[in-house]
Amino acid sequence: MIRPAASTDADALGSLQLSCWHEAYGELTPPGTLEKETLERRVQVWTGLIEREMDILVLELDGELDGFACYGPARDDDVGEETGELYALYLRAARHGVGLGRTLHDRARAGLVAGGATEAIVWVIEANAPARRFYAAVGWSPDDRAGPKEMQWGLPEVRYRRELA
């Protein structure tokens, strides 16, 4: 089931995010980098995002959160106000390859459209080949914008873009 995040999801989202980060970036980050990220900090961040009513979808299976997506207005200053942004989309690795990521993506895309966006951007870790393949498969293309946008771990990102209509 995909549903909007609730205030009671902050703990599970924090734990899920850390788990997904280790699965996706464990081999891409310098040793010890991800261990500096704490569950307390992640829960604090999620609590704040939920309280601010950010658009957050969660994928819940068998009573557990297995994925999430966040989206809203684009933050980059070189795009128009009709451009939305997929801020994050994560799914436990055990759930990859069965269409759940695509379904979560499509629901977030529909949310962007409902919010008035006609195109969207998403930033992807340059070295994250599985994520780049996923975004290409669901209609995104690199738009040749790279750096200075970087995650806190210093990993270069590339921006992808797609039309929504």
N, C-alpha and C. Protein backbone atom coordinates (compact mmCIF):
# COMPACT_ATOMS: atom_id res chain seq x y z
N MET A 1 0.84 -1.17 0.00
CA MET A 1 0.00 0.00 0.00
C MET A 1 0.89 1.24 0.00
N ILE A 2 0.56 2.18 -0.86
CA ILE A 2 1.25 3.47 -0.88
C ILE A 2 0.28 4.49 -0.30
N ARG A 3 0.79 5.28 0.65
CA ARG A 3 -0.03 6.26 1.34
C ARG A 3 0.82 7.45 1.75
N PRO A 4 0.18 8.57 2.07
CA PRO A 4 0.94 9.71 2.58
C PRO A 4 1.55 9.37 3.93
N ALA A 5 2.72 9.92 4.20
CA ALA A 5 3.38 9.70 5.48
C ALA A 5 2.56 10.36 6.59
N ALA A 6 2.55 9.72 7.75
CA ALA A 6 1.88 10.25 8.94
C ALA A 6 2.94 10.56 10.00
N SER A 7 2.56 11.35 10.99
CA SER A 7 3.51 11.72 12.04
C SER A 7 4.07 10.49 12.75
N THR A 8 3.30 9.43 12.80
CA THR A 8 3.77 8.21 13.46
C THR A 8 4.80 7.44 12.63
N ASP A 9 5.09 7.89 11.42
CA ASP A 9 6.05 7.21 10.54
C ASP A 9 7.49 7.70 10.71
N ALA A 10 7.73 8.74 11.47
CA ALA A 10 9.06 9.35 11.53
C ALA A 10 10.14 8.35 11.96
N ASP A 11 9.88 7.55 12.98
CA ASP A 11 10.88 6.57 13.43
C ASP A 11 11.18 5.55 12.34
N ALA A 12 10.12 5.01 11.74
CA ALA A 12 10.30 3.99 10.70
C ALA A 12 10.99 4.59 9.47
N LEU A 13 10.66 5.84 9.13
CA LEU A 13 11.31 6.49 7.99
C LEU A 13 12.80 6.70 8.26
N GLY A 14 13.13 7.10 9.47
CA GLY A 14 14.55 7.28 9.81
C GLY A 14 15.33 5.99 9.68
N SER A 15 14.77 4.92 10.20
CA SER A 15 15.42 3.62 10.11
C SER A 15 15.51 3.13 8.67
N LEU A 16 14.42 3.30 7.92
CA LEU A 16 14.39 2.89 6.51
C LEU A 16 15.42 3.68 5.70
N GLN A 17 15.49 4.98 5.92
CA GLN A 17 16.44 5.78 5.17
C GLN A 17 17.88 5.34 5.42
N LEU A 18 18.22 5.10 6.67
CA LEU A 18 19.58 4.64 6.98
C LEU A 18 19.86 3.30 6.31
N SER A 19 18.90 2.40 6.36
CA SER A 19 19.06 1.09 5.73
C SER A 19 19.26 1.23 4.22
N CYS A 20 18.42 2.05 3.59
CA CYS A 20 18.54 2.25 2.14
C CYS A 20 19.85 2.93 1.78
N TRP A 21 20.28 3.89 2.58
CA TRP A 21 21.57 4.54 2.31
C TRP A 21 22.71 3.53 2.36
N HIS A 22 22.69 2.65 3.36
CA HIS A 22 23.76 1.64 3.44
C HIS A 22 23.72 0.71 2.24
N GLU A 23 22.51 0.33 1.82
CA GLU A 23 22.39 -0.55 0.66
C GLU A 23 22.85 0.14 -0.62
N ALA A 24 22.47 1.40 -0.81
CA ALA A 24 22.75 2.11 -2.06
C ALA A 24 24.15 2.71 -2.11
N TYR A 25 24.63 3.20 -0.98
CA TYR A 25 25.86 3.99 -1.00
C TYR A 25 27.01 3.38 -0.20
N GLY A 26 26.78 2.24 0.44
CA GLY A 26 27.80 1.63 1.29
C GLY A 26 29.14 1.44 0.62
N GLU A 27 29.12 1.10 -0.66
CA GLU A 27 30.37 0.87 -1.38
C GLU A 27 30.85 2.12 -2.11
N LEU A 28 30.03 3.17 -2.11
CA LEU A 28 30.39 4.39 -2.82
C LEU A 28 31.00 5.46 -1.91
N THR A 29 30.71 5.36 -0.62
CA THR A 29 31.20 6.37 0.32
C THR A 29 32.49 5.91 0.99
N PRO A 30 33.30 6.85 1.44
CA PRO A 30 34.51 6.46 2.18
C PRO A 30 34.13 5.68 3.44
N PRO A 31 34.98 4.73 3.86
CA PRO A 31 34.68 3.94 5.05
C PRO A 31 34.36 4.84 6.25
N GLY A 32 33.33 4.44 6.99
CA GLY A 32 32.93 5.17 8.19
C GLY A 32 31.99 6.34 7.96
N THR A 33 31.80 6.73 6.71
CA THR A 33 30.96 7.89 6.40
C THR A 33 29.52 7.70 6.85
N LEU A 34 28.93 6.61 6.44
CA LEU A 34 27.52 6.38 6.75
C LEU A 34 27.30 6.09 8.23
N GLU A 35 28.32 5.58 8.90
CA GLU A 35 28.19 5.30 10.32
C GLU A 35 28.06 6.58 11.14
N LYS A 36 28.40 7.71 10.56
CA LYS A 36 28.24 9.00 11.25
C LYS A 36 26.79 9.46 11.26
N GLU A 37 25.98 8.89 10.37
CA GLU A 37 24.56 9.23 10.32
C GLU A 37 23.84 8.48 11.44
N THR A 38 23.08 9.20 12.26
CA THR A 38 22.42 8.56 13.39
C THR A 38 20.92 8.46 13.18
N LEU A 39 20.36 7.45 13.80
CA LEU A 39 18.91 7.27 13.75
C LEU A 39 18.22 8.47 14.39
N GLU A 40 18.74 8.97 15.48
CA GLU A 40 18.12 10.11 16.15
C GLU A 40 18.04 11.31 15.21
N ARG A 41 19.11 11.56 14.48
CA ARG A 41 19.12 12.70 13.55
C ARG A 41 18.13 12.48 12.42
N ARG A 42 18.10 11.29 11.86
CA ARG A 42 17.17 11.00 10.78
C ARG A 42 15.72 11.15 11.25
N VAL A 43 15.40 10.65 12.43
CA VAL A 43 14.04 10.77 12.96
C VAL A 43 13.69 12.25 13.14
N GLN A 44 14.64 13.02 13.63
CA GLN A 44 14.43 14.46 13.81
C GLN A 44 14.13 15.13 12.46
N VAL A 45 14.88 14.78 11.45
CA VAL A 45 14.66 15.34 10.11
C VAL A 45 13.27 14.96 9.61
N TRP A 46 12.92 13.68 9.70
CA TRP A 46 11.61 13.22 9.20
C TRP A 46 10.47 13.85 9.98
N THR A 47 10.63 13.99 11.28
CA THR A 47 9.59 14.65 12.08
C THR A 47 9.34 16.06 11.56
N GLY A 48 10.43 16.78 11.30
CA GLY A 48 10.31 18.14 10.78
C GLY A 48 9.66 18.19 9.41
N LEU A 49 10.04 17.29 8.53
CA LEU A 49 9.45 17.27 7.19
C LEU A 49 7.97 16.95 7.24
N ILE A 50 7.59 16.00 8.06
CA ILE A 50 6.17 15.65 8.18
C ILE A 50 5.39 16.80 8.79
N GLU A 51 5.95 17.44 9.81
CA GLU A 51 5.27 18.58 10.43
C GLU A 51 5.09 19.73 9.45
N ARG A 52 6.05 19.91 8.54
CA ARG A 52 5.94 20.97 7.53
C ARG A 52 5.05 20.56 6.36
N GLU A 53 4.48 19.37 6.46
CA GLU A 53 3.57 18.84 5.45
C GLU A 53 4.20 18.71 4.07
N MET A 54 5.47 18.30 4.05
CA MET A 54 6.12 17.99 2.77
C MET A 54 5.37 16.81 2.15
N ASP A 55 5.34 16.77 0.84
CA ASP A 55 4.71 15.65 0.15
C ASP A 55 5.61 14.43 0.26
N ILE A 56 5.21 13.49 1.10
CA ILE A 56 5.97 12.27 1.35
C ILE A 56 5.02 11.09 1.20
N LEU A 57 5.40 10.16 0.36
CA LEU A 57 4.65 8.91 0.21
C LEU A 57 5.46 7.78 0.82
N VAL A 58 4.79 6.86 1.46
CA VAL A 58 5.47 5.68 1.98
C VAL A 58 4.85 4.43 1.37
N LEU A 59 5.69 3.45 1.16
CA LEU A 59 5.27 2.14 0.68
C LEU A 59 5.27 1.21 1.89
N GLU A 60 4.11 0.73 2.25
CA GLU A 60 3.96 -0.13 3.42
C GLU A 60 3.53 -1.52 2.98
N LEU A 61 4.29 -2.51 3.39
CA LEU A 61 3.97 -3.91 3.08
C LEU A 61 4.04 -4.72 4.36
N ASP A 62 3.02 -5.47 4.63
CA ASP A 62 2.97 -6.32 5.82
C ASP A 62 3.28 -5.52 7.10
N GLY A 63 2.77 -4.30 7.17
CA GLY A 63 2.95 -3.48 8.36
C GLY A 63 4.30 -2.82 8.51
N GLU A 64 5.17 -2.96 7.53
CA GLU A 64 6.52 -2.37 7.57
C GLU A 64 6.69 -1.39 6.42
N LEU A 65 7.44 -0.31 6.67
CA LEU A 65 7.77 0.61 5.58
C LEU A 65 8.93 0.04 4.80
N ASP A 66 8.75 -0.06 3.49
CA ASP A 66 9.79 -0.61 2.61
C ASP A 66 10.25 0.38 1.55
N GLY A 67 9.64 1.55 1.48
CA GLY A 67 10.05 2.55 0.52
C GLY A 67 9.41 3.88 0.82
N PHE A 68 9.97 4.92 0.21
CA PHE A 68 9.39 6.25 0.36
C PHE A 68 9.80 7.13 -0.82
N ALA A 69 9.01 8.15 -1.04
CA ALA A 69 9.31 9.16 -2.06
C ALA A 69 8.90 10.51 -1.51
N CYS A 70 9.71 11.53 -1.79
CA CYS A 70 9.41 12.92 -1.40
C CYS A 70 9.49 13.77 -2.66
N TYR A 71 8.59 14.73 -2.77
CA TYR A 71 8.57 15.57 -3.96
C TYR A 71 7.96 16.92 -3.64
N GLY A 72 8.17 17.86 -4.55
CA GLY A 72 7.61 19.20 -4.40
C GLY A 72 8.18 20.13 -5.43
N PRO A 73 8.14 21.43 -5.17
CA PRO A 73 8.68 22.41 -6.12
C PRO A 73 10.20 22.23 -6.29
N ALA A 74 10.67 22.47 -7.49
CA ALA A 74 12.11 22.37 -7.75
C ALA A 74 12.86 23.44 -6.96
N ARG A 75 14.02 23.06 -6.43
CA ARG A 75 14.83 23.97 -5.63
C ARG A 75 15.89 24.70 -6.45
N ASP A 76 16.15 24.22 -7.66
CA ASP A 76 17.21 24.83 -8.48
C ASP A 76 16.73 26.16 -9.07
N ASP A 77 17.64 27.11 -9.17
CA ASP A 77 17.26 28.44 -9.65
C ASP A 77 17.30 28.59 -11.17
N ASP A 78 17.68 27.53 -11.88
CA ASP A 78 17.74 27.63 -13.34
C ASP A 78 16.56 26.94 -14.03
N VAL A 79 15.51 26.65 -13.27
CA VAL A 79 14.30 26.04 -13.85
C VAL A 79 13.10 26.93 -13.53
N GLY A 80 12.05 26.78 -14.30
CA GLY A 80 10.85 27.60 -14.11
C GLY A 80 9.98 27.09 -12.98
N GLU A 81 8.98 27.90 -12.63
CA GLU A 81 8.10 27.52 -11.53
C GLU A 81 7.18 26.36 -11.88
N GLU A 82 7.10 25.99 -13.15
CA GLU A 82 6.31 24.83 -13.55
C GLU A 82 7.09 23.52 -13.38
N THR A 83 8.32 23.63 -12.88
CA THR A 83 9.16 22.45 -12.70
C THR A 83 9.08 21.96 -11.25
N GLY A 84 8.77 20.68 -11.11
CA GLY A 84 8.77 20.04 -9.81
C GLY A 84 10.06 19.28 -9.60
N GLU A 85 10.21 18.71 -8.43
CA GLU A 85 11.42 17.94 -8.13
C GLU A 85 11.05 16.70 -7.34
N LEU A 86 11.61 15.59 -7.75
CA LEU A 86 11.56 14.37 -6.97
C LEU A 86 12.78 14.43 -6.06
N TYR A 87 12.56 14.75 -4.79
CA TYR A 87 13.67 14.95 -3.86
C TYR A 87 14.35 13.64 -3.49
N ALA A 88 13.57 12.59 -3.37
CA ALA A 88 14.12 11.30 -2.97
C ALA A 88 13.15 10.19 -3.32
N LEU A 89 13.70 9.05 -3.68
CA LEU A 89 12.91 7.84 -3.89
C LEU A 89 13.81 6.67 -3.49
N TYR A 90 13.41 5.97 -2.45
CA TYR A 90 14.20 4.84 -1.95
C TYR A 90 13.29 3.64 -1.72
N LEU A 91 13.85 2.49 -1.96
CA LEU A 91 13.15 1.22 -1.79
C LEU A 91 14.17 0.21 -1.27
N ARG A 92 13.78 -0.56 -0.27
CA ARG A 92 14.70 -1.60 0.24
C ARG A 92 15.17 -2.47 -0.93
N ALA A 93 16.43 -2.84 -0.93
CA ALA A 93 16.99 -3.65 -2.01
C ALA A 93 16.24 -4.96 -2.18
N ALA A 94 15.74 -5.52 -1.10
CA ALA A 94 14.99 -6.79 -1.19
C ALA A 94 13.71 -6.65 -2.00
N ARG A 95 13.26 -5.41 -2.21
CA ARG A 95 12.02 -5.16 -2.95
C ARG A 95 12.28 -4.70 -4.39
N HIS A 96 13.55 -4.61 -4.79
CA HIS A 96 13.88 -4.18 -6.15
C HIS A 96 13.45 -5.22 -7.17
N GLY A 97 13.13 -4.75 -8.36
CA GLY A 97 12.91 -5.63 -9.49
C GLY A 97 11.52 -6.23 -9.62
N VAL A 98 10.57 -5.80 -8.78
CA VAL A 98 9.23 -6.38 -8.88
C VAL A 98 8.17 -5.32 -9.19
N GLY A 99 8.60 -4.11 -9.55
CA GLY A 99 7.67 -3.07 -9.96
C GLY A 99 7.24 -2.11 -8.86
N LEU A 100 7.67 -2.34 -7.63
CA LEU A 100 7.27 -1.46 -6.53
C LEU A 100 7.90 -0.07 -6.65
N GLY A 101 9.14 -0.02 -7.07
CA GLY A 101 9.80 1.28 -7.26
C GLY A 101 9.11 2.08 -8.35
N ARG A 102 8.75 1.43 -9.41
CA ARG A 102 8.04 2.11 -10.51
C ARG A 102 6.68 2.61 -10.03
N THR A 103 5.98 1.80 -9.25
CA THR A 103 4.68 2.21 -8.74
C THR A 103 4.81 3.41 -7.82
N LEU A 104 5.78 3.38 -6.93
CA LEU A 104 6.03 4.50 -6.03
C LEU A 104 6.41 5.75 -6.83
N HIS A 105 7.26 5.57 -7.82
CA HIS A 105 7.65 6.66 -8.70
C HIS A 105 6.43 7.27 -9.39
N ASP A 106 5.59 6.42 -9.94
CA ASP A 106 4.42 6.91 -10.68
C ASP A 106 3.45 7.68 -9.78
N ARG A 107 3.32 7.25 -8.54
CA ARG A 107 2.46 7.98 -7.61
C ARG A 107 3.06 9.35 -7.28
N ALA A 108 4.38 9.41 -7.11
CA ALA A 108 5.03 10.70 -6.85
C ALA A 108 4.89 11.60 -8.08
N ARG A 109 5.07 11.03 -9.26
CA ARG A 109 4.91 11.80 -10.50
C ARG A 109 3.49 12.36 -10.59
N ALA A 110 2.50 11.57 -10.26
CA ALA A 110 1.11 12.03 -10.27
C ALA A 110 0.91 13.16 -9.26
N GLY A 111 1.57 13.09 -8.13
CA GLY A 111 1.50 14.16 -7.14
C GLY A 111 2.10 15.45 -7.66
N LEU A 112 3.20 15.35 -8.38
CA LEU A 112 3.81 16.53 -8.98
C LEU A 112 2.86 17.17 -10.00
N VAL A 113 2.24 16.34 -10.83
CA VAL A 113 1.29 16.84 -11.83
C VAL A 113 0.11 17.51 -11.13
N ALA A 114 -0.42 16.88 -10.09
CA ALA A 114 -1.54 17.45 -9.35
C ALA A 114 -1.17 18.80 -8.73
N GLY A 115 0.10 18.98 -8.42
CA GLY A 115 0.58 20.24 -7.87
C GLY A 115 0.89 21.29 -8.93
N GLY A 116 0.65 20.97 -10.21
CA GLY A 116 0.83 21.93 -11.29
C GLY A 116 2.12 21.83 -12.06
N ALA A 117 2.97 20.87 -11.75
CA ALA A 117 4.24 20.73 -12.48
C ALA A 117 4.01 20.11 -13.85
N THR A 118 4.72 20.62 -14.84
CA THR A 118 4.66 20.06 -16.19
C THR A 118 5.95 19.33 -16.55
N GLU A 119 6.99 19.56 -15.77
CA GLU A 119 8.25 18.83 -15.92
C GLU A 119 8.84 18.68 -14.53
N ALA A 120 9.85 17.81 -14.42
CA ALA A 120 10.46 17.59 -13.11
C ALA A 120 11.94 17.28 -13.27
N ILE A 121 12.64 17.48 -12.16
CA ILE A 121 14.06 17.14 -12.09
C ILE A 121 14.26 16.20 -10.90
N VAL A 122 15.35 15.46 -10.95
CA VAL A 122 15.78 14.64 -9.83
C VAL A 122 17.30 14.58 -9.88
N TRP A 123 17.94 14.69 -8.72
CA TRP A 123 19.39 14.59 -8.62
C TRP A 123 19.75 13.16 -8.24
N VAL A 124 20.75 12.59 -8.94
CA VAL A 124 21.15 11.20 -8.75
C VAL A 124 22.66 11.15 -8.54
N ILE A 125 23.09 10.36 -7.57
CA ILE A 125 24.53 10.16 -7.35
C ILE A 125 25.12 9.62 -8.66
N GLU A 126 26.11 10.30 -9.15
CA GLU A 126 26.71 9.94 -10.44
C GLU A 126 27.16 8.48 -10.50
N ALA A 127 27.74 7.98 -9.42
CA ALA A 127 28.27 6.61 -9.41
C ALA A 127 27.21 5.56 -9.10
N ASN A 128 25.97 5.96 -8.88
CA ASN A 128 24.91 5.02 -8.54
C ASN A 128 24.25 4.49 -9.82
N ALA A 129 24.92 3.53 -10.43
CA ALA A 129 24.46 2.98 -11.71
C ALA A 129 23.06 2.37 -11.63
N PRO A 130 22.70 1.62 -10.59
CA PRO A 130 21.34 1.07 -10.54
C PRO A 130 20.26 2.16 -10.54
N ALA A 131 20.48 3.24 -9.79
CA ALA A 131 19.50 4.34 -9.76
C ALA A 131 19.43 5.01 -11.12
N ARG A 132 20.55 5.20 -11.76
CA ARG A 132 20.56 5.85 -13.07
C ARG A 132 19.82 4.99 -14.11
N ARG A 133 20.00 3.67 -14.02
CA ARG A 133 19.26 2.77 -14.93
C ARG A 133 17.76 2.85 -14.65
N PHE A 134 17.39 2.88 -13.37
CA PHE A 134 15.98 2.97 -13.00
C PHE A 134 15.37 4.24 -13.58
N TYR A 135 15.99 5.38 -13.35
CA TYR A 135 15.41 6.64 -13.83
C TYR A 135 15.33 6.67 -15.35
N ALA A 136 16.32 6.13 -16.03
CA ALA A 136 16.25 6.06 -17.49
C ALA A 136 15.07 5.18 -17.93
N ALA A 137 14.85 4.08 -17.22
CA ALA A 137 13.77 3.16 -17.58
C ALA A 137 12.38 3.78 -17.38
N VAL A 138 12.26 4.76 -16.47
CA VAL A 138 10.95 5.38 -16.23
C VAL A 138 10.86 6.76 -16.87
N GLY A 139 11.73 7.02 -17.85
CA GLY A 139 11.54 8.20 -18.69
C GLY A 139 12.38 9.43 -18.38
N TRP A 140 13.33 9.34 -17.48
CA TRP A 140 14.18 10.49 -17.16
C TRP A 140 15.44 10.44 -18.02
N SER A 141 16.00 11.63 -18.29
CA SER A 141 17.25 11.74 -19.04
C SER A 141 18.17 12.74 -18.35
N PRO A 142 19.48 12.48 -18.38
CA PRO A 142 20.40 13.48 -17.82
C PRO A 142 20.26 14.78 -18.59
N ASP A 143 20.32 15.91 -17.90
CA ASP A 143 20.19 17.19 -18.61
C ASP A 143 21.50 17.97 -18.64
N ASP A 144 22.60 17.29 -18.42
CA ASP A 144 23.94 17.86 -18.52
C ASP A 144 24.26 18.86 -17.42
N ARG A 145 23.45 18.93 -16.36
CA ARG A 145 23.79 19.76 -15.21
C ARG A 145 24.42 18.87 -14.16
N ALA A 146 25.60 19.21 -13.77
CA ALA A 146 26.30 18.45 -12.73
C ALA A 146 26.96 19.43 -11.78
N GLY A 147 27.45 18.90 -10.62
CA GLY A 147 28.09 19.73 -9.61
C GLY A 147 27.57 21.14 -9.67
N PRO A 148 27.63 22.07 -8.86
CA PRO A 148 28.17 21.98 -7.51
C PRO A 148 27.22 21.28 -6.56
N LYS A 149 26.08 20.79 -7.06
CA LYS A 149 25.13 20.08 -6.21
C LYS A 149 25.77 18.78 -5.75
N GLU A 150 25.95 18.61 -4.45
CA GLU A 150 26.54 17.39 -3.91
C GLU A 150 25.82 17.00 -2.63
N MET A 151 25.77 15.72 -2.37
CA MET A 151 25.25 15.25 -1.09
C MET A 151 26.28 15.54 -0.02
N GLN A 152 25.85 15.40 1.21
CA GLN A 152 26.76 15.71 2.31
C GLN A 152 28.00 14.83 2.34
N TRP A 153 28.00 13.74 1.61
CA TRP A 153 29.16 12.85 1.62
C TRP A 153 30.16 13.20 0.53
N GLY A 154 29.94 14.26 -0.19
CA GLY A 154 30.87 14.68 -1.22
C GLY A 154 30.79 13.87 -2.49
N LEU A 155 29.71 13.14 -2.70
CA LEU A 155 29.56 12.34 -3.91
C LEU A 155 28.92 13.19 -5.01
N PRO A 156 29.57 13.32 -6.15
CA PRO A 156 29.00 14.13 -7.24
C PRO A 156 27.66 13.57 -7.70
N GLU A 157 26.78 14.49 -8.06
CA GLU A 157 25.45 14.12 -8.55
C GLU A 157 25.26 14.68 -9.95
N VAL A 158 24.36 14.06 -10.68
CA VAL A 158 23.93 14.56 -11.99
C VAL A 158 22.43 14.77 -11.92
N ARG A 159 21.97 15.75 -12.66
CA ARG A 159 20.55 16.05 -12.67
C ARG A 159 19.88 15.38 -13.86
N TYR A 160 18.74 14.77 -13.59
CA TYR A 160 17.90 14.19 -14.62
C TYR A 160 16.65 15.03 -14.72
N ARG A 161 16.02 14.98 -15.89
CA ARG A 161 14.81 15.78 -16.14
C ARG A 161 13.85 14.95 -16.99
N ARG A 162 12.55 15.24 -16.82
CA ARG A 162 11.55 14.62 -17.67
C ARG A 162 10.32 15.48 -17.75
N GLU A 163 9.60 15.35 -18.86
CA GLU A 163 8.29 15.97 -18.99
C GLU A 163 7.30 15.12 -18.21
N LEU A 164 6.29 15.74 -17.65
CA LEU A 164 5.33 15.00 -16.85
C LEU A 164 4.02 14.75 -17.58
N ALA A 165 3.71 15.56 -18.56
CA ALA A 165 2.42 15.41 -19.25
C ALA A 165 2.51 14.43 -20.40
